[in-house]
């Protein structure tokens, strides 16, 4: 079954959105890591931000894989 351009556009947009979310998660973690408040609360927030960054990274990797798979299907038929 041929891959439709609209499907590729959708997968590309999903990949870009996932990467944008990942970048935002990295920036949030960076902001927390740069604060001068050395409290337990800040450490907990920083650790939670690290977990969120890892999850966002995973979603970006999954979206990239889906987009690449669709491109392979369209151009190489596998």
PDB file of N, CA and C in Angstrom:
ATOM      1  N   UNK A   1       0.842  -1.177   0.000  1.00  0.00           N
ATOM      2  CA  UNK A   1       0.000   0.000   0.000  1.00  0.00           C
ATOM      3  C   UNK A   1       0.890   1.244   0.000  1.00  0.00           C
ATOM      4  N   UNK A   2       0.718   2.130  -0.960  1.00  0.00           N
ATOM      5  CA  UNK A   2       1.576   3.304  -1.047  1.00  0.00           C
ATOM      6  C   UNK A   2       1.350   4.271   0.118  1.00  0.00           C
ATOM      7  N   UNK A   3       2.413   4.918   0.502  1.00  0.00           N
ATOM      8  CA  UNK A   3       2.345   5.904   1.580  1.00  0.00           C
ATOM      9  C   UNK A   3       1.873   7.225   0.980  1.00  0.00           C
ATOM     10  N   UNK A   4       0.857   7.789   1.563  1.00  0.00           N
ATOM     11  CA  UNK A   4       0.309   9.058   1.103  1.00  0.00           C
ATOM     12  C   UNK A   4       1.163  10.221   1.627  1.00  0.00           C
ATOM     13  N   UNK A   5       1.225  11.275   0.832  1.00  0.00           N
ATOM     14  CA  UNK A   5       1.965  12.465   1.238  1.00  0.00           C
ATOM     15  C   UNK A   5       1.386  13.032   2.540  1.00  0.00           C
ATOM     16  N   UNK A   6       0.074  12.992   2.677  1.00  0.00           N
ATOM     17  CA  UNK A   6      -0.546  13.509   3.902  1.00  0.00           C
ATOM     18  C   UNK A   6      -0.082  12.732   5.127  1.00  0.00           C
ATOM     19  N   UNK A   7       0.136  11.418   4.954  1.00  0.00           N
ATOM     20  CA  UNK A   7       0.651  10.596   6.055  1.00  0.00           C
ATOM     21  C   UNK A   7       2.073  11.020   6.408  1.00  0.00           C
ATOM     22  N   UNK A   8       2.886  11.270   5.387  1.00  0.00           N
ATOM     23  CA  UNK A   8       4.259  11.735   5.633  1.00  0.00           C
ATOM     24  C   UNK A   8       4.242  13.099   6.318  1.00  0.00           C
ATOM     25  N   UNK A   9       3.381  13.988   5.853  1.00  0.00           N
ATOM     26  CA  UNK A   9       3.270  15.309   6.471  1.00  0.00           C
ATOM     27  C   UNK A   9       2.878  15.190   7.942  1.00  0.00           C
ATOM     28  N   UNK A  10       1.942  14.293   8.214  1.00  0.00           N
ATOM     29  CA  UNK A  10       1.485  14.086   9.591  1.00  0.00           C
ATOM     30  C   UNK A  10       2.607  13.543  10.469  1.00  0.00           C
ATOM     31  N   UNK A  11       3.337  12.569   9.954  1.00  0.00           N
ATOM     32  CA  UNK A  11       4.436  11.984  10.732  1.00  0.00           C
ATOM     33  C   UNK A  11       5.573  12.986  10.933  1.00  0.00           C
ATOM     34  N   UNK A  12       5.844  13.789   9.905  1.00  0.00           N
ATOM     35  CA  UNK A  12       6.875  14.814  10.033  1.00  0.00           C
ATOM     36  C   UNK A  12       6.466  15.858  11.074  1.00  0.00           C
ATOM     37  N   UNK A  13       5.214  16.284  11.038  1.00  0.00           N
ATOM     38  CA  UNK A  13       4.718  17.260  12.010  1.00  0.00           C
ATOM     39  C   UNK A  13       4.756  16.695  13.428  1.00  0.00           C
ATOM     40  N   UNK A  14       4.413  15.423  13.573  1.00  0.00           N
ATOM     41  CA  UNK A  14       4.463  14.785  14.894  1.00  0.00           C
ATOM     42  C   UNK A  14       5.900  14.716  15.401  1.00  0.00           C
ATOM     43  N   UNK A  15       6.823  14.419  14.497  1.00  0.00           N
ATOM     44  CA  UNK A  15       8.241  14.359  14.869  1.00  0.00           C
ATOM     45  C   UNK A  15       8.725  15.744  15.302  1.00  0.00           C
ATOM     46  N   UNK A  16       8.402  16.772  14.534  1.00  0.00           N
ATOM     47  CA  UNK A  16       8.822  18.128  14.883  1.00  0.00           C
ATOM     48  C   UNK A  16       8.230  18.539  16.224  1.00  0.00           C
ATOM     49  N   UNK A  17       6.962  18.248  16.441  1.00  0.00           N
ATOM     50  CA  UNK A  17       6.325  18.596  17.713  1.00  0.00           C
ATOM     51  C   UNK A  17       6.993  17.871  18.879  1.00  0.00           C
ATOM     52  N   UNK A  18       7.345  16.606  18.673  1.00  0.00           N
ATOM     53  CA  UNK A  18       8.003  15.837  19.723  1.00  0.00           C
ATOM     54  C   UNK A  18       9.395  16.403  20.019  1.00  0.00           C
ATOM     55  N   UNK A  19      10.116  16.790  18.987  1.00  0.00           N
ATOM     56  CA  UNK A  19      11.447  17.389  19.191  1.00  0.00           C
ATOM     57  C   UNK A  19      11.307  18.730  19.901  1.00  0.00           C
ATOM     58  N   UNK A  20      10.326  19.536  19.505  1.00  0.00           N
ATOM     59  CA  UNK A  20      10.099  20.819  20.178  1.00  0.00           C
ATOM     60  C   UNK A  20       9.791  20.614  21.659  1.00  0.00           C
ATOM     61  N   UNK A  21       8.983  19.615  21.966  1.00  0.00           N
ATOM     62  CA  UNK A  21       8.663  19.315  23.364  1.00  0.00           C
ATOM     63  C   UNK A  21       9.901  18.846  24.114  1.00  0.00           C
ATOM     64  N   UNK A  22      10.741  18.070  23.446  1.00  0.00           N
ATOM     65  CA  UNK A  22      11.980  17.596  24.062  1.00  0.00           C
ATOM     66  C   UNK A  22      12.904  18.778  24.371  1.00  0.00           C
ATOM     67  N   UNK A  23      13.038  19.692  23.422  1.00  0.00           N
ATOM     68  CA  UNK A  23      13.877  20.882  23.632  1.00  0.00           C
ATOM     69  C   UNK A  23      13.342  21.696  24.808  1.00  0.00           C
ATOM     70  N   UNK A  24      12.031  21.855  24.882  1.00  0.00           N
ATOM     71  CA  UNK A  24      11.435  22.593  25.997  1.00  0.00           C
ATOM     72  C   UNK A  24      11.732  21.905  27.329  1.00  0.00           C
ATOM     73  N   UNK A  25      11.677  20.578  27.342  1.00  0.00           N
ATOM     74  CA  UNK A  25      11.977  19.828  28.571  1.00  0.00           C
ATOM     75  C   UNK A  25      13.444  20.007  28.968  1.00  0.00           C
ATOM     76  N   UNK A  26      14.325  20.020  27.980  1.00  0.00           N
ATOM     77  CA  UNK A  26      15.755  20.240  28.262  1.00  0.00           C
ATOM     78  C   UNK A  26      15.959  21.634  28.852  1.00  0.00           C
ATOM     79  N   UNK A  27      15.316  22.619  28.260  1.00  0.00           N
ATOM     80  CA  UNK A  27      15.466  23.999  28.754  1.00  0.00           C
ATOM     81  C   UNK A  27      14.904  24.153  30.163  1.00  0.00           C
ATOM     82  N   UNK A  28      13.801  23.459  30.433  1.00  0.00           N
ATOM     83  CA  UNK A  28      13.232  23.513  31.783  1.00  0.00           C
ATOM     84  C   UNK A  28      14.206  22.892  32.791  1.00  0.00           C
ATOM     85  N   UNK A  29      14.757  21.746  32.443  1.00  0.00           N
ATOM     86  CA  UNK A  29      15.730  21.107  33.326  1.00  0.00           C
ATOM     87  C   UNK A  29      16.953  22.001  33.524  1.00  0.00           C
ATOM     88  N   UNK A  30      17.417  22.616  32.457  1.00  0.00           N
ATOM     89  CA  UNK A  30      18.567  23.513  32.538  1.00  0.00           C
ATOM     90  C   UNK A  30      18.284  24.684  33.468  1.00  0.00           C
ATOM     91  N   UNK A  31      17.088  25.249  33.358  1.00  0.00           N
ATOM     92  CA  UNK A  31      16.727  26.372  34.218  1.00  0.00           C
ATOM     93  C   UNK A  31      16.733  25.963  35.684  1.00  0.00           C
ATOM     94  N   UNK A  32      16.222  24.784  35.974  1.00  0.00           N
ATOM     95  CA  UNK A  32      16.219  24.304  37.359  1.00  0.00           C
ATOM     96  C   UNK A  32      17.636  24.023  37.852  1.00  0.00           C
ATOM     97  N   UNK A  33      18.474  23.496  36.982  1.00  0.00           N
ATOM     98  CA  UNK A  33      19.851  23.177  37.367  1.00  0.00           C
ATOM     99  C   UNK A  33      20.671  24.439  37.610  1.00  0.00           C
ATOM    100  N   UNK A  34      20.235  25.550  37.048  1.00  0.00           N
ATOM    101  CA  UNK A  34      20.983  26.805  37.161  1.00  0.00           C
ATOM    102  C   UNK A  34      20.551  27.661  38.344  1.00  0.00           C
ATOM    103  N   UNK A  35      19.511  27.263  39.049  1.00  0.00           N
ATOM    104  CA  UNK A  35      19.027  28.073  40.165  1.00  0.00           C
ATOM    105  C   UNK A  35      19.973  27.985  41.350  1.00  0.00           C
ATOM    106  N   UNK A  36      19.994  29.066  42.092  1.00  0.00           N
ATOM    107  CA  UNK A  36      20.891  29.145  43.250  1.00  0.00           C
ATOM    108  C   UNK A  36      20.289  28.539  44.510  1.00  0.00           C
ATOM    109  N   UNK A  37      19.015  28.212  44.481  1.00  0.00           N
ATOM    110  CA  UNK A  37      18.344  27.629  45.642  1.00  0.00           C
ATOM    111  C   UNK A  37      18.777  26.166  45.763  1.00  0.00           C
ATOM    112  N   UNK A  38      19.471  25.845  46.817  1.00  0.00           N
ATOM    113  CA  UNK A  38      19.988  24.490  47.000  1.00  0.00           C
ATOM    114  C   UNK A  38      19.132  23.716  48.003  1.00  0.00           C
ATOM    115  N   UNK A  39      17.829  23.750  47.811  1.00  0.00           N
ATOM    116  CA  UNK A  39      16.921  23.083  48.735  1.00  0.00           C
ATOM    117  C   UNK A  39      16.551  21.693  48.222  1.00  0.00           C
ATOM    118  N   UNK A  40      16.016  20.901  49.127  1.00  0.00           N
ATOM    119  CA  UNK A  40      15.554  19.561  48.771  1.00  0.00           C
ATOM    120  C   UNK A  40      14.414  19.666  47.753  1.00  0.00           C
ATOM    121  N   UNK A  41      13.569  20.659  47.915  1.00  0.00           N
ATOM    122  CA  UNK A  41      12.469  20.867  46.975  1.00  0.00           C
ATOM    123  C   UNK A  41      12.996  21.099  45.566  1.00  0.00           C
ATOM    124  N   UNK A  42      14.027  21.914  45.443  1.00  0.00           N
ATOM    125  CA  UNK A  42      14.620  22.181  44.130  1.00  0.00           C
ATOM    126  C   UNK A  42      15.270  20.928  43.545  1.00  0.00           C
ATOM    127  N   UNK A  43      15.903  20.139  44.384  1.00  0.00           N
ATOM    128  CA  UNK A  43      16.506  18.890  43.906  1.00  0.00           C
ATOM    129  C   UNK A  43      15.413  17.963  43.383  1.00  0.00           C
ATOM    130  N   UNK A  44      14.312  17.867  44.108  1.00  0.00           N
ATOM    131  CA  UNK A  44      13.191  17.032  43.664  1.00  0.00           C
ATOM    132  C   UNK A  44      12.628  17.523  42.335  1.00  0.00           C
ATOM    133  N   UNK A  45      12.480  18.835  42.194  1.00  0.00           N
ATOM    134  CA  UNK A  45      11.968  19.406  40.945  1.00  0.00           C
ATOM    135  C   UNK A  45      12.942  19.131  39.804  1.00  0.00           C
ATOM    136  N   UNK A  46      14.219  19.249  40.065  1.00  0.00           N
ATOM    137  CA  UNK A  46      15.248  19.005  39.056  1.00  0.00           C
ATOM    138  C   UNK A  46      15.213  17.533  38.611  1.00  0.00           C
ATOM    139  N   UNK A  47      15.093  16.639  39.576  1.00  0.00           N
ATOM    140  CA  UNK A  47      15.017  15.214  39.243  1.00  0.00           C
ATOM    141  C   UNK A  47      13.760  14.896  38.435  1.00  0.00           C
ATOM    142  N   UNK A  48      12.640  15.511  38.800  1.00  0.00           N
ATOM    143  CA  UNK A  48      11.400  15.311  38.044  1.00  0.00           C
ATOM    144  C   UNK A  48      11.553  15.858  36.621  1.00  0.00           C
ATOM    145  N   UNK A  49      12.232  16.982  36.493  1.00  0.00           N
ATOM    146  CA  UNK A  49      12.474  17.555  35.166  1.00  0.00           C
ATOM    147  C   UNK A  49      13.363  16.635  34.340  1.00  0.00           C
ATOM    148  N   UNK A  50      14.309  15.986  34.978  1.00  0.00           N
ATOM    149  CA  UNK A  50      15.163  15.026  34.275  1.00  0.00           C
ATOM    150  C   UNK A  50      14.334  13.847  33.767  1.00  0.00           C
ATOM    151  N   UNK A  51      13.431  13.357  34.599  1.00  0.00           N
ATOM    152  CA  UNK A  51      12.545  12.265  34.172  1.00  0.00           C
ATOM    153  C   UNK A  51      11.675  12.700  32.995  1.00  0.00           C
ATOM    154  N   UNK A  52      11.154  13.920  33.069  1.00  0.00           N
ATOM    155  CA  UNK A  52      10.314  14.438  31.986  1.00  0.00           C
ATOM    156  C   UNK A  52      11.125  14.583  30.699  1.00  0.00           C
ATOM    157  N   UNK A  53      12.370  14.993  30.824  1.00  0.00           N
ATOM    158  CA  UNK A  53      13.237  15.133  29.648  1.00  0.00           C
ATOM    159  C   UNK A  53      13.476  13.779  29.002  1.00  0.00           C
ATOM    160  N   UNK A  54      13.717  12.768  29.805  1.00  0.00           N
ATOM    161  CA  UNK A  54      13.935  11.424  29.266  1.00  0.00           C
ATOM    162  C   UNK A  54      12.692  10.901  28.557  1.00  0.00           C
ATOM    163  N   UNK A  55      11.533  11.152  29.129  1.00  0.00           N
ATOM    164  CA  UNK A  55      10.275  10.734  28.492  1.00  0.00           C
ATOM    165  C   UNK A  55      10.077  11.469  27.163  1.00  0.00           C
ATOM    166  N   UNK A  56      10.358  12.770  27.156  1.00  0.00           N
ATOM    167  CA  UNK A  56      10.218  13.557  25.926  1.00  0.00           C
ATOM    168  C   UNK A  56      11.199  13.068  24.866  1.00  0.00           C
ATOM    169  N   UNK A  57      12.394  12.718  25.290  1.00  0.00           N
ATOM    170  CA  UNK A  57      13.388  12.176  24.363  1.00  0.00           C
ATOM    171  C   UNK A  57      12.883  10.884  23.741  1.00  0.00           C
ATOM    172  N   UNK A  58      12.304  10.031  24.555  1.00  0.00           N
ATOM    173  CA  UNK A  58      11.756   8.769  24.053  1.00  0.00           C
ATOM    174  C   UNK A  58      10.641   8.986  23.041  1.00  0.00           C
ATOM    175  N   UNK A  59       9.762   9.968  23.320  1.00  0.00           N
ATOM    176  CA  UNK A  59       8.686  10.268  22.376  1.00  0.00           C
ATOM    177  C   UNK A  59       9.249  10.815  21.062  1.00  0.00           C
ATOM    178  N   UNK A  60      10.295  11.635  21.149  1.00  0.00           N
ATOM    179  CA  UNK A  60      10.928  12.167  19.934  1.00  0.00           C
ATOM    180  C   UNK A  60      11.572  11.042  19.129  1.00  0.00           C
ATOM    181  N   UNK A  61      12.246  10.138  19.795  1.00  0.00           N
ATOM    182  CA  UNK A  61      12.870   9.003  19.106  1.00  0.00           C
ATOM    183  C   UNK A  61      11.808   8.125  18.432  1.00  0.00           C
ATOM    184  N   UNK A  62      10.701   7.877  19.132  1.00  0.00           N
ATOM    185  CA  UNK A  62       9.616   7.072  18.554  1.00  0.00           C
ATOM    186  C   UNK A  62       9.013   7.752  17.332  1.00  0.00           C
ATOM    187  N   UNK A  63       8.795   9.069  17.425  1.00  0.00           N
ATOM    188  CA  UNK A  63       8.228   9.814  16.306  1.00  0.00           C
ATOM    189  C   UNK A  63       9.186   9.828  15.118  1.00  0.00           C
ATOM    190  N   UNK A  64      10.470   9.936  15.404  1.00  0.00           N
ATOM    191  CA  UNK A  64      11.473   9.904  14.334  1.00  0.00           C
ATOM    192  C   UNK A  64      11.447   8.547  13.636  1.00  0.00           C
ATOM    193  N   UNK A  65      11.390   7.505  14.414  1.00  0.00           N
ATOM    194  CA  UNK A  65      11.358   6.159  13.845  1.00  0.00           C
ATOM    195  C   UNK A  65      10.124   5.952  12.967  1.00  0.00           C
ATOM    196  N   UNK A  66       8.978   6.439  13.416  1.00  0.00           N
ATOM    197  CA  UNK A  66       7.743   6.304  12.629  1.00  0.00           C
ATOM    198  C   UNK A  66       7.853   7.075  11.316  1.00  0.00           C
ATOM    199  N   UNK A  67       8.427   8.263  11.381  1.00  0.00           N
ATOM    200  CA  UNK A  67       8.600   9.075  10.174  1.00  0.00           C
ATOM    201  C   UNK A  67       9.594   8.404   9.217  1.00  0.00           C
ATOM    202  N   UNK A  68      10.712   7.932   9.746  1.00  0.00           N
ATOM    203  CA  UNK A  68      11.701   7.245   8.909  1.00  0.00           C
ATOM    204  C   UNK A  68      11.118   5.991   8.274  1.00  0.00           C
ATOM    205  N   UNK A  69      10.342   5.237   9.037  1.00  0.00           N
ATOM    206  CA  UNK A  69       9.708   4.030   8.493  1.00  0.00           C
ATOM    207  C   UNK A  69       8.780   4.372   7.332  1.00  0.00           C
ATOM    208  N   UNK A  70       8.022   5.448   7.481  1.00  0.00           N
ATOM    209  CA  UNK A  70       7.115   5.869   6.410  1.00  0.00           C
ATOM    210  C   UNK A  70       7.901   6.313   5.176  1.00  0.00           C
ATOM    211  N   UNK A  71       9.013   6.997   5.389  1.00  0.00           N
ATOM    212  CA  UNK A  71       9.853   7.405   4.259  1.00  0.00           C
ATOM    213  C   UNK A  71      10.441   6.188   3.542  1.00  0.00           C
ATOM    214  N   UNK A  72      10.906   5.211   4.316  1.00  0.00           N
ATOM    215  CA  UNK A  72      11.443   3.995   3.703  1.00  0.00           C
ATOM    216  C   UNK A  72      10.375   3.271   2.882  1.00  0.00           C
ATOM    217  N   UNK A  73       9.181   3.226   3.427  1.00  0.00           N
ATOM    218  CA  UNK A  73       8.081   2.579   2.724  1.00  0.00           C
ATOM    219  C   UNK A  73       7.794   3.306   1.408  1.00  0.00           C
ATOM    220  N   UNK A  74       7.756   4.617   1.460  1.00  0.00           N
ATOM    221  CA  UNK A  74       7.439   5.389   0.255  1.00  0.00           C
ATOM    222  C   UNK A  74       8.514   5.231  -0.817  1.00  0.00           C
ATOM    223  N   UNK A  75       9.780   5.373  -0.427  1.00  0.00           N
ATOM    224  CA  UNK A  75      10.850   5.404  -1.417  1.00  0.00           C
ATOM    225  C   UNK A  75      11.452   4.053  -1.746  1.00  0.00           C
ATOM    226  N   UNK A  76      11.443   3.145  -0.802  1.00  0.00           N
ATOM    227  CA  UNK A  76      12.123   1.854  -1.016  1.00  0.00           C
ATOM    228  C   UNK A  76      11.179   0.655  -0.924  1.00  0.00           C
ATOM    229  N   UNK A  77       9.918   0.909  -0.548  1.00  0.00           N
ATOM    230  CA  UNK A  77       8.885  -0.138  -0.484  1.00  0.00           C
ATOM    231  C   UNK A  77       9.212  -1.264   0.488  1.00  0.00           C
ATOM    232  N   UNK A  78       9.802  -0.893   1.618  1.00  0.00           N
ATOM    233  CA  UNK A  78      10.003  -1.881   2.686  1.00  0.00           C
ATOM    234  C   UNK A  78       9.882  -1.230   4.038  1.00  0.00           C
TER     235      UNK A  78
END
